[in-house]
Amino acid sequence: MVSTPDPATIVRHVRTCAACRLLSQHALRTRDPRLVDAALQLRAEHLANESEREGFMRELRAGRRSR
């Protein structure tokens, strides 16, 4: 299970991710609870992936990972 990030982080992500933004807008417009859940899960997954990527890049810059 993916942990829920803070609201400010979610808002920042939705501003930059077109897929999350469109799915969220459609979910709210149609008031479909399954789409709302899917939108929340997609955002959380994207944020987790971004955090993992940032950690990898920090390690790479510090020379801890080899190619």
C-alpha atoms as a PDB file:
ATOM      1  CA  MET A   1       0.000   0.000   0.000  1.00  0.00           C
ATOM      2  CA  VAL A   2       1.283   3.447  -0.905  1.00  0.00           C
ATOM      3  CA  SER A   3       1.302   6.038   1.878  1.00  0.00           C
ATOM      4  CA  THR A   4      -0.695   9.216   1.331  1.00  0.00           C
ATOM      5  CA  PRO A   5       1.531  12.260   0.790  1.00  0.00           C
ATOM      6  CA  ASP A   6       0.729  15.666   2.218  1.00  0.00           C
ATOM      7  CA  PRO A   7      -1.870  17.770   0.318  1.00  0.00           C
ATOM      8  CA  ALA A   8       0.649  20.380  -0.877  1.00  0.00           C
ATOM      9  CA  THR A   9       2.720  17.668  -2.552  1.00  0.00           C
ATOM     10  CA  ILE A  10      -0.366  16.277  -4.263  1.00  0.00           C
ATOM     11  CA  VAL A  11      -1.367  19.722  -5.551  1.00  0.00           C
ATOM     12  CA  ARG A  12       2.151  20.325  -6.925  1.00  0.00           C
ATOM     13  CA  HIS A  13       2.072  16.974  -8.698  1.00  0.00           C
ATOM     14  CA  VAL A  14      -1.391  17.452 -10.220  1.00  0.00           C
ATOM     15  CA  ARG A  15      -0.282  20.798 -11.626  1.00  0.00           C
ATOM     16  CA  THR A  16       2.503  19.073 -13.544  1.00  0.00           C
ATOM     17  CA  CYS A  17       1.058  15.644 -14.447  1.00  0.00           C
ATOM     18  CA  ALA A  18      -1.498  15.871 -17.247  1.00  0.00           C
ATOM     19  CA  ALA A  19      -2.736  12.292 -16.769  1.00  0.00           C
ATOM     20  CA  CYS A  20      -3.439  12.813 -13.072  1.00  0.00           C
ATOM     21  CA  ARG A  21      -5.045  16.191 -13.700  1.00  0.00           C
ATOM     22  CA  LEU A  22      -7.358  14.886 -16.443  1.00  0.00           C
ATOM     23  CA  LEU A  23      -8.340  11.772 -14.516  1.00  0.00           C
ATOM     24  CA  SER A  24      -9.053  13.832 -11.395  1.00  0.00           C
ATOM     25  CA  GLN A  25     -11.148  16.339 -13.332  1.00  0.00           C
ATOM     26  CA  HIS A  26     -13.119  13.585 -15.049  1.00  0.00           C
ATOM     27  CA  ALA A  27     -13.639  11.727 -11.760  1.00  0.00           C
ATOM     28  CA  LEU A  28     -14.989  14.844 -10.088  1.00  0.00           C
ATOM     29  CA  ARG A  29     -17.133  15.803 -13.067  1.00  0.00           C
ATOM     30  CA  THR A  30     -18.764  12.357 -13.280  1.00  0.00           C
ATOM     31  CA  ARG A  31     -18.822  11.858  -9.495  1.00  0.00           C
ATOM     32  CA  ASP A  32     -17.714   8.280  -9.986  1.00  0.00           C
ATOM     33  CA  PRO A  33     -16.234   6.983  -6.715  1.00  0.00           C
ATOM     34  CA  ARG A  34     -14.196   4.334  -8.557  1.00  0.00           C
ATOM     35  CA  LEU A  35     -12.574   6.985 -10.737  1.00  0.00           C
ATOM     36  CA  VAL A  36     -11.885   9.165  -7.700  1.00  0.00           C
ATOM     37  CA  ASP A  37     -10.149   6.217  -6.020  1.00  0.00           C
ATOM     38  CA  ALA A  38      -8.195   5.490  -9.206  1.00  0.00           C
ATOM     39  CA  ALA A  39      -7.107   9.130  -9.474  1.00  0.00           C
ATOM     40  CA  LEU A  40      -5.921   9.148  -5.858  1.00  0.00           C
ATOM     41  CA  GLN A  41      -4.029   5.892  -6.323  1.00  0.00           C
ATOM     42  CA  LEU A  42      -2.398   7.113  -9.539  1.00  0.00           C
ATOM     43  CA  ARG A  43      -1.244  10.342  -7.889  1.00  0.00           C
ATOM     44  CA  ALA A  44       0.145   8.471  -4.897  1.00  0.00           C
ATOM     45  CA  GLU A  45       1.975   6.024  -7.159  1.00  0.00           C
ATOM     46  CA  HIS A  46       3.438   8.828  -9.272  1.00  0.00           C
ATOM     47  CA  LEU A  47       4.629  10.628  -6.146  1.00  0.00           C
ATOM     48  CA  ALA A  48       6.213   7.456  -4.765  1.00  0.00           C
ATOM     49  CA  ASN A  49       7.971   6.874  -8.079  1.00  0.00           C
ATOM     50  CA  GLU A  50       9.214  10.461  -8.115  1.00  0.00           C
ATOM     51  CA  SER A  51      10.566  10.106  -4.575  1.00  0.00           C
ATOM     52  CA  GLU A  52      12.347   6.903  -5.530  1.00  0.00           C
ATOM     53  CA  ARG A  53      13.827   8.557  -8.633  1.00  0.00           C
ATOM     54  CA  GLU A  54      15.042  11.533  -6.602  1.00  0.00           C
ATOM     55  CA  GLY A  55      16.698   9.207  -4.085  1.00  0.00           C
ATOM     56  CA  PHE A  56      18.398   7.296  -6.877  1.00  0.00           C
ATOM     57  CA  MET A  57      19.665  10.532  -8.414  1.00  0.00           C
ATOM     58  CA  ARG A  58      21.042  11.696  -5.032  1.00  0.00           C
ATOM     59  CA  GLU A  59      22.922   8.413  -4.663  1.00  0.00           C
ATOM     60  CA  LEU A  60      24.164   8.623  -8.237  1.00  0.00           C
ATOM     61  CA  ARG A  61      25.472  12.159  -7.721  1.00  0.00           C
ATOM     62  CA  ALA A  62      27.190  11.063  -4.528  1.00  0.00           C
ATOM     63  CA  GLY A  63      28.923   8.290  -6.456  1.00  0.00           C
ATOM     64  CA  ARG A  64      27.316   5.473  -4.511  1.00  0.00           C
ATOM     65  CA  ARG A  65      25.928   3.682  -7.530  1.00  0.00           C
ATOM     66  CA  SER A  66      27.890   2.318 -10.427  1.00  0.00           C
ATOM     67  CA  ARG A  67      26.660   1.824 -13.946  1.00  0.00           C
END
